[in-house]
Amino acid sequence: MNLEVKLMKNILGANDEIATQNRKIFSERGVVVMNLMGSPGSGKTTLLEKTLALLADKIKIAVIEGDLFTAKDAERIERAGVDVIQINTAGGCHLDAPMIQKACAALDLDAIDLLIVENVGNLVCPAEFDIGENFKAVVLSITEGDDKPLKYPLIFKESEVTLLNKIDLLPFTNFDLRAACEDLTTLHPTIKIFETSCTTGAGLGEWAEWLLGKAAR
């Protein structure tokens, strides 16, 4: 047991060193970085497509896509007209700082205002690994259930913003919106919450404006 704990400390320590290097480079180049997390099927990629459509003519954006094996999400994002780098983890459940460091070598950071990293679909591991981002955002689909913030507290504690996505499906589920929001603010009192739907467009304008403000700062 002690050996396992020491090993985890070593792994996270090495990751954090490179994350610090990443953050320094991003700051020097004037790049704001968002780590976008959420479960498989929460709607991260569709939300990202809609966000890019709203912001593409206002700021310069690039995307790093994390996935287990395929390039399907990267191909979708590329059609939005932004630079995109695909990282395949070959079964790994998260992106880490060395992966981001390597991917950024293929990007012209001087030509980017906002870098969005879509992490591997997972509510556990991605929150544990600093990649050098400015802030984390987590997408929670209404169809996943309102119990997720308390069942997976770390990712919501670490995230500056939560997007309650697929809000158009709320009438067809037993999702308790008020309870979910109360749990989120209990875990993270200053968390920003957006209720979004990529089908109806609800909340997307407010989300895009908030993100634009983050990139501007």
N, C-alpha and C. Protein backbone atom coordinates (compact mmCIF):
# COMPACT_ATOMS: atom_id res chain seq x y z
N MET A 1 0.82 -1.20 0.00
CA MET A 1 0.00 0.00 0.00
C MET A 1 0.86 1.26 0.00
N ASN A 2 1.89 1.29 0.85
CA ASN A 2 2.76 2.46 0.90
C ASN A 2 3.49 2.67 -0.42
N LEU A 3 3.92 1.57 -1.03
CA LEU A 3 4.61 1.68 -2.31
C LEU A 3 3.71 2.27 -3.37
N GLU A 4 2.43 1.87 -3.36
CA GLU A 4 1.48 2.39 -4.34
C GLU A 4 1.28 3.89 -4.16
N VAL A 5 1.16 4.36 -2.95
CA VAL A 5 0.98 5.78 -2.69
C VAL A 5 2.19 6.57 -3.16
N LYS A 6 3.41 6.08 -2.87
CA LYS A 6 4.62 6.77 -3.30
C LYS A 6 4.70 6.85 -4.82
N LEU A 7 4.32 5.79 -5.49
CA LEU A 7 4.34 5.76 -6.94
C LEU A 7 3.39 6.80 -7.49
N MET A 8 2.18 6.91 -6.95
CA MET A 8 1.22 7.88 -7.43
C MET A 8 1.75 9.30 -7.23
N LYS A 9 2.41 9.55 -6.10
CA LYS A 9 2.98 10.87 -5.85
C LYS A 9 4.04 11.20 -6.90
N ASN A 10 4.86 10.20 -7.25
CA ASN A 10 5.89 10.43 -8.25
C ASN A 10 5.28 10.74 -9.62
N ILE A 11 4.25 10.01 -9.97
CA ILE A 11 3.59 10.22 -11.26
C ILE A 11 2.98 11.62 -11.32
N LEU A 12 2.24 11.99 -10.31
CA LEU A 12 1.60 13.30 -10.30
C LEU A 12 2.62 14.42 -10.19
N GLY A 13 3.71 14.18 -9.44
CA GLY A 13 4.74 15.19 -9.31
C GLY A 13 5.42 15.49 -10.64
N ALA A 14 5.74 14.45 -11.39
CA ALA A 14 6.35 14.64 -12.71
C ALA A 14 5.39 15.34 -13.65
N ASN A 15 4.12 14.96 -13.59
CA ASN A 15 3.12 15.61 -14.43
C ASN A 15 3.00 17.09 -14.09
N ASP A 16 2.97 17.41 -12.80
CA ASP A 16 2.80 18.80 -12.38
C ASP A 16 3.97 19.68 -12.79
N GLU A 17 5.17 19.12 -12.84
CA GLU A 17 6.33 19.89 -13.29
C GLU A 17 6.15 20.33 -14.74
N ILE A 18 5.69 19.41 -15.58
CA ILE A 18 5.49 19.75 -16.98
C ILE A 18 4.27 20.66 -17.14
N ALA A 19 3.25 20.46 -16.32
CA ALA A 19 2.09 21.35 -16.36
C ALA A 19 2.50 22.79 -16.06
N THR A 20 3.41 22.95 -15.10
CA THR A 20 3.91 24.29 -14.78
C THR A 20 4.66 24.89 -15.97
N GLN A 21 5.44 24.07 -16.67
CA GLN A 21 6.13 24.53 -17.87
C GLN A 21 5.12 24.94 -18.94
N ASN A 22 4.09 24.10 -19.12
CA ASN A 22 3.05 24.42 -20.11
C ASN A 22 2.39 25.76 -19.78
N ARG A 23 2.04 25.93 -18.51
CA ARG A 23 1.34 27.15 -18.10
C ARG A 23 2.19 28.39 -18.34
N LYS A 24 3.47 28.28 -18.08
CA LYS A 24 4.38 29.39 -18.31
C LYS A 24 4.44 29.76 -19.79
N ILE A 25 4.53 28.74 -20.65
CA ILE A 25 4.56 29.00 -22.09
C ILE A 25 3.25 29.62 -22.56
N PHE A 26 2.14 29.09 -22.10
CA PHE A 26 0.84 29.65 -22.49
C PHE A 26 0.73 31.11 -22.07
N SER A 27 1.18 31.42 -20.86
CA SER A 27 1.12 32.79 -20.37
C SER A 27 1.99 33.72 -21.19
N GLU A 28 3.19 33.26 -21.53
CA GLU A 28 4.11 34.07 -22.33
C GLU A 28 3.55 34.34 -23.71
N ARG A 29 2.82 33.39 -24.26
CA ARG A 29 2.26 33.53 -25.61
C ARG A 29 0.87 34.18 -25.60
N GLY A 30 0.32 34.44 -24.43
CA GLY A 30 -0.99 35.07 -24.35
C GLY A 30 -2.13 34.14 -24.71
N VAL A 31 -1.96 32.84 -24.43
CA VAL A 31 -2.99 31.84 -24.76
C VAL A 31 -3.75 31.46 -23.49
N VAL A 32 -5.07 31.55 -23.55
CA VAL A 32 -5.93 31.06 -22.47
C VAL A 32 -6.33 29.63 -22.80
N VAL A 33 -6.23 28.73 -21.81
CA VAL A 33 -6.46 27.31 -22.05
C VAL A 33 -7.61 26.80 -21.17
N MET A 34 -8.57 26.16 -21.81
CA MET A 34 -9.69 25.53 -21.10
C MET A 34 -9.59 24.02 -21.23
N ASN A 35 -9.71 23.33 -20.11
CA ASN A 35 -9.74 21.87 -20.07
C ASN A 35 -11.21 21.46 -19.97
N LEU A 36 -11.77 20.95 -21.06
CA LEU A 36 -13.18 20.60 -21.14
C LEU A 36 -13.35 19.11 -20.85
N MET A 37 -14.12 18.80 -19.81
CA MET A 37 -14.25 17.42 -19.35
C MET A 37 -15.72 17.02 -19.28
N GLY A 38 -15.97 15.72 -19.14
CA GLY A 38 -17.32 15.20 -19.02
C GLY A 38 -17.38 13.74 -19.44
N SER A 39 -18.50 13.11 -19.16
CA SER A 39 -18.68 11.70 -19.49
C SER A 39 -18.80 11.49 -21.00
N PRO A 40 -18.54 10.26 -21.47
CA PRO A 40 -18.89 9.94 -22.86
C PRO A 40 -20.38 10.15 -23.08
N GLY A 41 -20.74 10.82 -24.15
CA GLY A 41 -22.15 11.04 -24.45
C GLY A 41 -22.77 12.24 -23.77
N SER A 42 -21.99 13.00 -23.02
CA SER A 42 -22.55 14.18 -22.36
C SER A 42 -22.80 15.32 -23.34
N GLY A 43 -22.20 15.22 -24.52
CA GLY A 43 -22.41 16.25 -25.53
C GLY A 43 -21.25 17.23 -25.65
N LYS A 44 -20.07 16.85 -25.19
CA LYS A 44 -18.92 17.76 -25.22
C LYS A 44 -18.58 18.22 -26.63
N THR A 45 -18.49 17.28 -27.56
CA THR A 45 -18.05 17.64 -28.90
C THR A 45 -19.10 18.48 -29.63
N THR A 46 -20.36 18.13 -29.49
CA THR A 46 -21.42 18.94 -30.11
C THR A 46 -21.44 20.34 -29.51
N LEU A 47 -21.30 20.43 -28.20
CA LEU A 47 -21.24 21.72 -27.54
C LEU A 47 -20.05 22.53 -28.06
N LEU A 48 -18.93 21.85 -28.26
CA LEU A 48 -17.74 22.51 -28.78
C LEU A 48 -17.98 23.03 -30.19
N GLU A 49 -18.63 22.23 -31.02
CA GLU A 49 -18.96 22.67 -32.38
C GLU A 49 -19.81 23.94 -32.35
N LYS A 50 -20.81 23.95 -31.51
CA LYS A 50 -21.70 25.12 -31.41
C LYS A 50 -20.95 26.34 -30.88
N THR A 51 -20.05 26.10 -29.92
CA THR A 51 -19.27 27.19 -29.34
C THR A 51 -18.34 27.80 -30.38
N LEU A 52 -17.69 26.96 -31.16
CA LEU A 52 -16.79 27.44 -32.20
C LEU A 52 -17.54 28.28 -33.23
N ALA A 53 -18.75 27.86 -33.56
CA ALA A 53 -19.55 28.61 -34.54
C ALA A 53 -19.87 30.01 -34.03
N LEU A 54 -20.04 30.14 -32.72
CA LEU A 54 -20.38 31.44 -32.14
C LEU A 54 -19.16 32.34 -31.94
N LEU A 55 -17.98 31.74 -31.81
CA LEU A 55 -16.80 32.53 -31.45
C LEU A 55 -15.74 32.61 -32.54
N ALA A 56 -15.86 31.82 -33.59
CA ALA A 56 -14.79 31.70 -34.57
C ALA A 56 -14.41 33.03 -35.21
N ASP A 57 -15.38 33.94 -35.39
CA ASP A 57 -15.07 35.22 -36.03
C ASP A 57 -14.70 36.31 -35.03
N LYS A 58 -14.59 35.94 -33.75
CA LYS A 58 -14.28 36.92 -32.71
C LYS A 58 -12.90 36.74 -32.11
N ILE A 59 -12.45 35.49 -31.97
CA ILE A 59 -11.13 35.20 -31.44
C ILE A 59 -10.53 34.01 -32.20
N LYS A 60 -9.23 33.87 -32.06
CA LYS A 60 -8.52 32.77 -32.72
C LYS A 60 -8.47 31.58 -31.77
N ILE A 61 -9.03 30.45 -32.22
CA ILE A 61 -9.20 29.27 -31.38
C ILE A 61 -8.51 28.07 -32.02
N ALA A 62 -7.91 27.25 -31.19
CA ALA A 62 -7.41 25.94 -31.61
C ALA A 62 -7.92 24.91 -30.62
N VAL A 63 -7.95 23.66 -31.05
CA VAL A 63 -8.52 22.58 -30.23
C VAL A 63 -7.55 21.40 -30.20
N ILE A 64 -7.40 20.82 -29.01
CA ILE A 64 -6.74 19.52 -28.86
C ILE A 64 -7.81 18.52 -28.45
N GLU A 65 -7.94 17.46 -29.22
CA GLU A 65 -8.96 16.44 -28.99
C GLU A 65 -8.34 15.19 -28.38
N GLY A 66 -8.85 14.78 -27.23
CA GLY A 66 -8.40 13.55 -26.60
C GLY A 66 -9.41 12.44 -26.78
N ASP A 67 -8.98 11.28 -27.23
CA ASP A 67 -9.87 10.14 -27.40
C ASP A 67 -9.06 8.86 -27.24
N LEU A 68 -9.77 7.77 -26.98
CA LEU A 68 -9.06 6.50 -26.76
C LEU A 68 -8.39 6.01 -28.03
N PHE A 69 -9.13 5.99 -29.15
CA PHE A 69 -8.58 5.38 -30.35
C PHE A 69 -8.84 6.17 -31.64
N THR A 70 -10.05 6.67 -31.86
CA THR A 70 -10.40 7.20 -33.17
C THR A 70 -10.08 8.69 -33.29
N ALA A 71 -10.25 9.21 -34.52
CA ALA A 71 -10.10 10.64 -34.80
C ALA A 71 -11.44 11.24 -35.19
N LYS A 72 -12.53 10.59 -34.86
CA LYS A 72 -13.85 11.04 -35.29
C LYS A 72 -14.18 12.45 -34.77
N ASP A 73 -13.88 12.71 -33.49
CA ASP A 73 -14.20 14.02 -32.94
C ASP A 73 -13.33 15.10 -33.57
N ALA A 74 -12.07 14.81 -33.78
CA ALA A 74 -11.17 15.78 -34.40
C ALA A 74 -11.62 16.11 -35.82
N GLU A 75 -12.11 15.11 -36.54
CA GLU A 75 -12.60 15.35 -37.90
C GLU A 75 -13.81 16.28 -37.88
N ARG A 76 -14.67 16.11 -36.87
CA ARG A 76 -15.83 17.01 -36.74
C ARG A 76 -15.38 18.44 -36.45
N ILE A 77 -14.43 18.59 -35.55
CA ILE A 77 -13.96 19.93 -35.17
C ILE A 77 -13.21 20.59 -36.32
N GLU A 78 -12.47 19.81 -37.08
CA GLU A 78 -11.73 20.36 -38.22
C GLU A 78 -12.67 21.00 -39.23
N ARG A 79 -13.87 20.44 -39.37
CA ARG A 79 -14.85 21.01 -40.30
C ARG A 79 -15.35 22.37 -39.84
N ALA A 80 -15.11 22.70 -38.57
CA ALA A 80 -15.49 24.02 -38.07
C ALA A 80 -14.49 25.09 -38.47
N GLY A 81 -13.39 24.68 -39.07
CA GLY A 81 -12.43 25.65 -39.60
C GLY A 81 -11.38 26.11 -38.62
N VAL A 82 -11.11 25.33 -37.58
CA VAL A 82 -10.06 25.69 -36.63
C VAL A 82 -8.96 24.64 -36.66
N ASP A 83 -7.77 25.02 -36.21
CA ASP A 83 -6.68 24.06 -36.11
C ASP A 83 -7.01 23.06 -35.00
N VAL A 84 -6.78 21.78 -35.28
CA VAL A 84 -7.10 20.75 -34.30
C VAL A 84 -6.00 19.68 -34.30
N ILE A 85 -5.60 19.26 -33.12
CA ILE A 85 -4.63 18.18 -32.94
C ILE A 85 -5.33 17.04 -32.22
N GLN A 86 -5.19 15.83 -32.77
CA GLN A 86 -5.78 14.64 -32.15
C GLN A 86 -4.75 13.93 -31.29
N ILE A 87 -5.14 13.62 -30.05
CA ILE A 87 -4.32 12.77 -29.18
C ILE A 87 -5.09 11.49 -28.92
N ASN A 88 -4.52 10.36 -29.30
CA ASN A 88 -5.11 9.06 -28.97
C ASN A 88 -4.34 8.45 -27.81
N THR A 89 -5.06 8.11 -26.76
CA THR A 89 -4.42 7.60 -25.55
C THR A 89 -4.27 6.08 -25.54
N ALA A 90 -4.78 5.40 -26.57
CA ALA A 90 -4.67 3.94 -26.68
C ALA A 90 -5.20 3.24 -25.43
N GLY A 91 -6.34 3.73 -24.94
CA GLY A 91 -6.97 3.13 -23.78
C GLY A 91 -6.82 3.92 -22.51
N GLY A 92 -5.93 4.91 -22.49
CA GLY A 92 -5.75 5.75 -21.31
C GLY A 92 -6.98 6.58 -21.04
N CYS A 93 -7.28 6.80 -19.75
CA CYS A 93 -8.56 7.40 -19.38
C CYS A 93 -8.50 8.91 -19.23
N HIS A 94 -7.36 9.55 -19.58
CA HIS A 94 -7.24 10.99 -19.40
C HIS A 94 -6.08 11.51 -20.24
N LEU A 95 -6.04 12.81 -20.41
CA LEU A 95 -4.87 13.48 -20.97
C LEU A 95 -3.99 13.97 -19.83
N ASP A 96 -2.68 14.03 -20.08
CA ASP A 96 -1.79 14.56 -19.06
C ASP A 96 -0.93 15.68 -19.66
N ALA A 97 -0.13 16.31 -18.81
CA ALA A 97 0.65 17.46 -19.23
C ALA A 97 1.67 17.14 -20.32
N PRO A 98 2.40 16.00 -20.25
CA PRO A 98 3.34 15.70 -21.34
C PRO A 98 2.65 15.54 -22.70
N MET A 99 1.45 14.97 -22.71
CA MET A 99 0.70 14.85 -23.97
C MET A 99 0.40 16.22 -24.55
N ILE A 100 -0.02 17.15 -23.69
CA ILE A 100 -0.35 18.50 -24.15
C ILE A 100 0.91 19.22 -24.63
N GLN A 101 2.00 19.05 -23.90
CA GLN A 101 3.26 19.66 -24.30
C GLN A 101 3.66 19.21 -25.70
N LYS A 102 3.55 17.92 -25.96
CA LYS A 102 3.92 17.38 -27.27
C LYS A 102 2.98 17.89 -28.36
N ALA A 103 1.68 17.92 -28.07
CA ALA A 103 0.70 18.38 -29.07
C ALA A 103 0.92 19.84 -29.41
N CYS A 104 1.26 20.65 -28.42
CA CYS A 104 1.41 22.09 -28.65
C CYS A 104 2.61 22.41 -29.53
N ALA A 105 3.56 21.48 -29.64
CA ALA A 105 4.70 21.69 -30.52
C ALA A 105 4.27 21.78 -31.98
N ALA A 106 3.09 21.27 -32.28
CA ALA A 106 2.57 21.31 -33.65
C ALA A 106 1.62 22.48 -33.88
N LEU A 107 1.45 23.34 -32.87
CA LEU A 107 0.56 24.49 -32.99
C LEU A 107 1.36 25.79 -32.98
N ASP A 108 0.86 26.78 -33.70
CA ASP A 108 1.45 28.12 -33.66
C ASP A 108 0.76 28.89 -32.53
N LEU A 109 1.33 28.81 -31.34
CA LEU A 109 0.68 29.41 -30.18
C LEU A 109 0.56 30.92 -30.29
N ASP A 110 1.45 31.54 -31.04
CA ASP A 110 1.39 32.99 -31.21
C ASP A 110 0.15 33.42 -31.99
N ALA A 111 -0.47 32.47 -32.70
CA ALA A 111 -1.65 32.78 -33.50
C ALA A 111 -2.94 32.33 -32.83
N ILE A 112 -2.88 32.02 -31.53
CA ILE A 112 -4.04 31.47 -30.82
C ILE A 112 -4.37 32.33 -29.61
N ASP A 113 -5.65 32.65 -29.45
CA ASP A 113 -6.13 33.34 -28.25
C ASP A 113 -6.65 32.35 -27.21
N LEU A 114 -7.37 31.34 -27.70
CA LEU A 114 -8.02 30.37 -26.81
C LEU A 114 -7.71 28.97 -27.31
N LEU A 115 -7.17 28.15 -26.43
CA LEU A 115 -6.93 26.74 -26.73
C LEU A 115 -7.89 25.91 -25.89
N ILE A 116 -8.70 25.12 -26.57
CA ILE A 116 -9.67 24.27 -25.88
C ILE A 116 -9.19 22.82 -25.97
N VAL A 117 -9.03 22.20 -24.82
CA VAL A 117 -8.63 20.80 -24.76
C VAL A 117 -9.85 19.97 -24.38
N GLU A 118 -10.35 19.18 -25.32
CA GLU A 118 -11.45 18.28 -24.99
C GLU A 118 -10.86 16.97 -24.48
N ASN A 119 -10.99 16.76 -23.19
CA ASN A 119 -10.37 15.62 -22.54
C ASN A 119 -11.12 14.32 -22.87
N VAL A 120 -10.52 13.21 -22.52
CA VAL A 120 -11.14 11.90 -22.70
C VAL A 120 -12.42 11.84 -21.86
N GLY A 121 -13.47 11.21 -22.39
CA GLY A 121 -14.73 11.10 -21.68
C GLY A 121 -14.61 10.29 -20.40
N ASN A 122 -14.73 10.97 -19.26
CA ASN A 122 -14.50 10.32 -17.97
C ASN A 122 -14.79 11.35 -16.88
N LEU A 123 -15.47 10.96 -15.83
CA LEU A 123 -15.75 11.88 -14.73
C LEU A 123 -14.77 11.74 -13.56
N VAL A 124 -13.75 10.91 -13.72
CA VAL A 124 -12.84 10.67 -12.60
C VAL A 124 -11.43 11.17 -12.91
N CYS A 125 -10.69 10.45 -13.74
CA CYS A 125 -9.26 10.69 -13.92
C CYS A 125 -8.89 12.06 -14.47
N PRO A 126 -9.59 12.62 -15.46
CA PRO A 126 -9.14 13.90 -16.01
C PRO A 126 -8.99 15.01 -14.98
N ALA A 127 -9.81 14.99 -13.94
CA ALA A 127 -9.75 16.04 -12.93
C ALA A 127 -8.50 15.95 -12.07
N GLU A 128 -7.84 14.81 -12.06
CA GLU A 128 -6.67 14.60 -11.21
C GLU A 128 -5.38 15.08 -11.84
N PHE A 129 -5.39 15.35 -13.14
CA PHE A 129 -4.15 15.67 -13.86
C PHE A 129 -4.19 17.11 -14.38
N ASP A 130 -3.33 17.95 -13.81
CA ASP A 130 -3.13 19.31 -14.30
C ASP A 130 -2.43 19.23 -15.65
N ILE A 131 -2.95 19.94 -16.64
CA ILE A 131 -2.30 19.96 -17.95
C ILE A 131 -1.73 21.33 -18.28
N GLY A 132 -1.83 22.26 -17.32
CA GLY A 132 -1.35 23.62 -17.54
C GLY A 132 -2.44 24.57 -17.96
N GLU A 133 -3.69 24.15 -17.77
CA GLU A 133 -4.84 24.97 -18.19
C GLU A 133 -5.04 26.16 -17.25
N ASN A 134 -5.79 27.16 -17.75
CA ASN A 134 -6.21 28.27 -16.90
C ASN A 134 -7.42 27.90 -16.06
N PHE A 135 -8.31 27.10 -16.63
CA PHE A 135 -9.49 26.68 -15.88
C PHE A 135 -10.07 25.42 -16.49
N LYS A 136 -10.82 24.71 -15.66
CA LYS A 136 -11.51 23.49 -16.08
C LYS A 136 -13.00 23.78 -16.24
N ALA A 137 -13.63 23.08 -17.17
CA ALA A 137 -15.08 23.13 -17.35
C ALA A 137 -15.58 21.71 -17.48
N VAL A 138 -16.73 21.42 -16.88
CA VAL A 138 -17.28 20.07 -16.95
C VAL A 138 -18.69 20.12 -17.52
N VAL A 139 -18.97 19.20 -18.43
CA VAL A 139 -20.28 19.07 -19.05
C VAL A 139 -21.01 17.91 -18.39
N LEU A 140 -22.21 18.18 -17.88
CA LEU A 140 -23.06 17.15 -17.28
C LEU A 140 -24.38 17.11 -18.03
N SER A 141 -24.64 15.99 -18.68
CA SER A 141 -25.90 15.85 -19.41
C SER A 141 -27.05 15.57 -18.45
N ILE A 142 -28.20 16.15 -18.76
CA ILE A 142 -29.41 15.89 -17.97
C ILE A 142 -29.71 14.39 -17.90
N THR A 143 -29.38 13.67 -18.96
CA THR A 143 -29.69 12.24 -19.03
C THR A 143 -28.79 11.40 -18.11
N GLU A 144 -27.74 11.99 -17.56
CA GLU A 144 -26.84 11.24 -16.68
C GLU A 144 -27.37 11.13 -15.26
N GLY A 145 -28.30 11.99 -14.87
CA GLY A 145 -28.84 11.95 -13.53
C GLY A 145 -28.29 13.05 -12.65
N ASP A 146 -29.11 13.51 -11.70
CA ASP A 146 -28.71 14.63 -10.84
C ASP A 146 -27.81 14.21 -9.69
N ASP A 147 -27.53 12.92 -9.57
CA ASP A 147 -26.68 12.44 -8.47
C ASP A 147 -25.19 12.53 -8.77
N LYS A 148 -24.82 12.87 -9.99
CA LYS A 148 -23.41 12.82 -10.39
C LYS A 148 -22.51 13.79 -9.62
N PRO A 149 -22.92 15.01 -9.31
CA PRO A 149 -22.00 15.88 -8.55
C PRO A 149 -21.55 15.28 -7.23
N LEU A 150 -22.44 14.63 -6.51
CA LEU A 150 -22.06 14.06 -5.22
C LEU A 150 -21.34 12.72 -5.39
N LYS A 151 -21.60 12.00 -6.48
CA LYS A 151 -20.92 10.72 -6.70
C LYS A 151 -19.51 10.92 -7.24
N TYR A 152 -19.29 12.02 -7.95
CA TYR A 152 -17.98 12.31 -8.54
C TYR A 152 -17.58 13.75 -8.17
N PRO A 153 -17.37 14.01 -6.89
CA PRO A 153 -17.23 15.40 -6.44
C PRO A 153 -15.98 16.11 -6.95
N LEU A 154 -14.87 15.39 -7.14
CA LEU A 154 -13.62 16.07 -7.45
C LEU A 154 -13.71 16.89 -8.73
N ILE A 155 -14.29 16.34 -9.78
CA ILE A 155 -14.32 17.02 -11.06
C ILE A 155 -15.15 18.31 -10.98
N PHE A 156 -16.16 18.30 -10.13
CA PHE A 156 -17.00 19.50 -9.98
C PHE A 156 -16.35 20.51 -9.04
N LYS A 157 -15.60 20.03 -8.04
CA LYS A 157 -14.85 20.93 -7.17
C LYS A 157 -13.75 21.64 -7.94
N GLU A 158 -13.13 20.93 -8.89
CA GLU A 158 -12.00 21.47 -9.63
C GLU A 158 -12.42 22.38 -10.78
N SER A 159 -13.66 22.30 -11.19
CA SER A 159 -14.11 23.03 -12.38
C SER A 159 -14.66 24.40 -12.02
N GLU A 160 -14.27 25.38 -12.81
CA GLU A 160 -14.78 26.74 -12.61
C GLU A 160 -16.20 26.89 -13.11
N VAL A 161 -16.58 26.04 -14.06
CA VAL A 161 -17.90 26.15 -14.67
C VAL A 161 -18.45 24.76 -14.96
N THR A 162 -19.77 24.61 -14.75
CA THR A 162 -20.48 23.38 -15.12
C THR A 162 -21.55 23.74 -16.14
N LEU A 163 -21.61 22.95 -17.19
CA LEU A 163 -22.67 23.11 -18.19
C LEU A 163 -23.65 21.96 -18.04
N LEU A 164 -24.86 22.28 -17.62
CA LEU A 164 -25.93 21.27 -17.54
C LEU A 164 -26.52 21.17 -18.93
N ASN A 165 -26.09 20.18 -19.67
CA ASN A 165 -26.37 20.10 -21.09
C ASN A 165 -27.60 19.22 -21.38
N LYS A 166 -28.14 19.39 -22.58
CA LYS A 166 -29.34 18.69 -23.03
C LYS A 166 -30.54 19.06 -22.15
N ILE A 167 -30.60 20.35 -21.81
CA ILE A 167 -31.66 20.83 -20.92
C ILE A 167 -33.04 20.67 -21.56
N ASP A 168 -33.08 20.54 -22.88
CA ASP A 168 -34.35 20.34 -23.58
C ASP A 168 -34.99 18.99 -23.21
N LEU A 169 -34.19 18.05 -22.70
CA LEU A 169 -34.71 16.74 -22.32
C LEU A 169 -35.21 16.69 -20.88
N LEU A 170 -35.10 17.79 -20.17
CA LEU A 170 -35.49 17.81 -18.76
C LEU A 170 -36.91 17.30 -18.52
N PRO A 171 -37.92 17.67 -19.33
CA PRO A 171 -39.28 17.19 -19.07
C PRO A 171 -39.45 15.68 -19.22
N PHE A 172 -38.49 15.04 -19.86
CA PHE A 172 -38.61 13.61 -20.13
C PHE A 172 -37.75 12.76 -19.18
N THR A 173 -37.20 13.38 -18.16
CA THR A 173 -36.36 12.67 -17.19
C THR A 173 -36.84 12.98 -15.77
N ASN A 174 -36.25 12.31 -14.81
CA ASN A 174 -36.52 12.63 -13.40
C ASN A 174 -35.39 13.44 -12.79
N PHE A 175 -34.62 14.12 -13.64
CA PHE A 175 -33.51 14.95 -13.20
C PHE A 175 -34.05 16.12 -12.37
N ASP A 176 -33.54 16.26 -11.14
CA ASP A 176 -33.96 17.33 -10.24
C ASP A 176 -32.98 18.48 -10.41
N LEU A 177 -33.36 19.47 -11.19
CA LEU A 177 -32.47 20.57 -11.53
C LEU A 177 -32.07 21.38 -10.30
N ARG A 178 -33.02 21.65 -9.43
CA ARG A 178 -32.71 22.44 -8.24
C ARG A 178 -31.74 21.69 -7.33
N ALA A 179 -31.97 20.40 -7.15
CA ALA A 179 -31.08 19.60 -6.31
C ALA A 179 -29.67 19.55 -6.88
N ALA A 180 -29.57 19.41 -8.19
CA ALA A 180 -28.25 19.36 -8.83
C ALA A 180 -27.51 20.67 -8.63
N CYS A 181 -28.19 21.78 -8.81
CA CYS A 181 -27.56 23.09 -8.64
C CYS A 181 -27.14 23.31 -7.18
N GLU A 182 -27.97 22.86 -6.25
CA GLU A 182 -27.61 22.98 -4.84
C GLU A 182 -26.37 22.15 -4.50
N ASP A 183 -26.31 20.94 -5.06
CA ASP A 183 -25.15 20.10 -4.82
C ASP A 183 -23.89 20.72 -5.42
N LEU A 184 -24.02 21.28 -6.60
CA LEU A 184 -22.87 21.90 -7.26
C LEU A 184 -22.33 23.07 -6.45
N THR A 185 -23.22 23.92 -5.99
CA THR A 185 -22.78 25.09 -5.23
C THR A 185 -22.31 24.72 -3.82
N THR A 186 -22.78 23.61 -3.30
CA THR A 186 -22.25 23.12 -2.02
C THR A 186 -20.80 22.66 -2.19
N LEU A 187 -20.55 21.94 -3.29
CA LEU A 187 -19.19 21.48 -3.57
C LEU A 187 -18.26 22.63 -3.94
N HIS A 188 -18.79 23.59 -4.67
CA HIS A 188 -17.98 24.71 -5.18
C HIS A 188 -18.85 25.96 -5.15
N PRO A 189 -18.82 26.72 -4.06
CA PRO A 189 -19.75 27.85 -3.87
C PRO A 189 -19.72 28.90 -4.98
N THR A 190 -18.58 29.07 -5.66
CA THR A 190 -18.50 30.12 -6.68
C THR A 190 -18.60 29.56 -8.10
N ILE A 191 -18.99 28.31 -8.24
CA ILE A 191 -19.05 27.70 -9.56
C ILE A 191 -20.09 28.41 -10.43
N LYS A 192 -19.75 28.56 -11.71
CA LYS A 192 -20.68 29.15 -12.69
C LYS A 192 -21.44 28.01 -13.35
N ILE A 193 -22.76 28.15 -13.45
CA ILE A 193 -23.60 27.10 -14.01
C ILE A 193 -24.35 27.64 -15.22
N PHE A 194 -24.25 26.93 -16.33
CA PHE A 194 -25.02 27.25 -17.53
C PHE A 194 -25.94 26.08 -17.86
N GLU A 195 -27.18 26.38 -18.20
CA GLU A 195 -28.12 25.38 -18.67
C GLU A 195 -28.18 25.49 -20.19
N THR A 196 -27.70 24.44 -20.88
CA THR A 196 -27.53 24.53 -22.32
C THR A 196 -28.25 23.42 -23.06
N SER A 197 -28.58 23.71 -24.31
CA SER A 197 -29.13 22.71 -25.22
C SER A 197 -28.57 22.98 -26.61
N CYS A 198 -27.87 22.02 -27.17
CA CYS A 198 -27.36 22.16 -28.52
C CYS A 198 -28.44 21.93 -29.56
N THR A 199 -29.58 21.40 -29.13
CA THR A 199 -30.71 21.19 -30.03
C THR A 199 -31.52 22.46 -30.22
N THR A 200 -31.85 23.14 -29.12
CA THR A 200 -32.65 24.36 -29.19
C THR A 200 -31.80 25.63 -29.18
N GLY A 201 -30.55 25.50 -28.78
CA GLY A 201 -29.69 26.69 -28.68
C GLY A 201 -29.77 27.39 -27.33
N ALA A 202 -30.57 26.87 -26.42
CA ALA A 202 -30.74 27.51 -25.12
C ALA A 202 -29.41 27.61 -24.38
N GLY A 203 -29.13 28.78 -23.86
CA GLY A 203 -27.96 29.00 -23.03
C GLY A 203 -26.64 29.12 -23.75
N LEU A 204 -26.60 28.82 -25.05
CA LEU A 204 -25.33 28.80 -25.77
C LEU A 204 -24.75 30.21 -25.95
N GLY A 205 -25.61 31.18 -26.17
CA GLY A 205 -25.14 32.55 -26.32
C GLY A 205 -24.49 33.07 -25.05
N GLU A 206 -25.14 32.80 -23.92
CA GLU A 206 -24.59 33.24 -22.63
C GLU A 206 -23.26 32.54 -22.34
N TRP A 207 -23.21 31.27 -22.64
CA TRP A 207 -21.98 30.50 -22.44
C TRP A 207 -20.85 31.05 -23.31
N ALA A 208 -21.14 31.31 -24.58
CA ALA A 208 -20.12 31.81 -25.49
C ALA A 208 -19.61 33.18 -25.05
N GLU A 209 -20.50 34.04 -24.58
CA GLU A 209 -20.08 35.36 -24.11
C GLU A 209 -19.21 35.26 -22.87
N TRP A 210 -19.56 34.35 -21.97
CA TRP A 210 -18.74 34.14 -20.78
C TRP A 210 -17.34 33.66 -21.18
N LEU A 211 -17.29 32.71 -22.10
CA LEU A 211 -16.01 32.17 -22.54
C LEU A 211 -15.19 33.22 -23.26
N LEU A 212 -15.85 34.06 -24.03
CA LEU A 212 -15.16 35.16 -24.71
C LEU A 212 -14.52 36.10 -23.69
N GLY A 213 -15.24 36.36 -22.61
CA GLY A 213 -14.69 37.20 -21.55
C GLY A 213 -13.48 36.57 -20.90
N LYS A 214 -13.51 35.25 -20.69
CA LYS A 214 -12.36 34.56 -20.12
C LYS A 214 -11.16 34.66 -21.05
N ALA A 215 -11.39 34.49 -22.33
CA ALA A 215 -10.29 34.56 -23.31
C ALA A 215 -9.72 35.97 -23.38
N ALA A 216 -10.57 36.96 -23.26
CA ALA A 216 -10.12 38.34 -23.33
C ALA A 216 -9.22 38.70 -22.15
N ARG A 217 -9.48 38.10 -20.98
CA ARG A 217 -8.68 38.38 -19.80
C ARG A 217 -7.36 37.62 -19.80
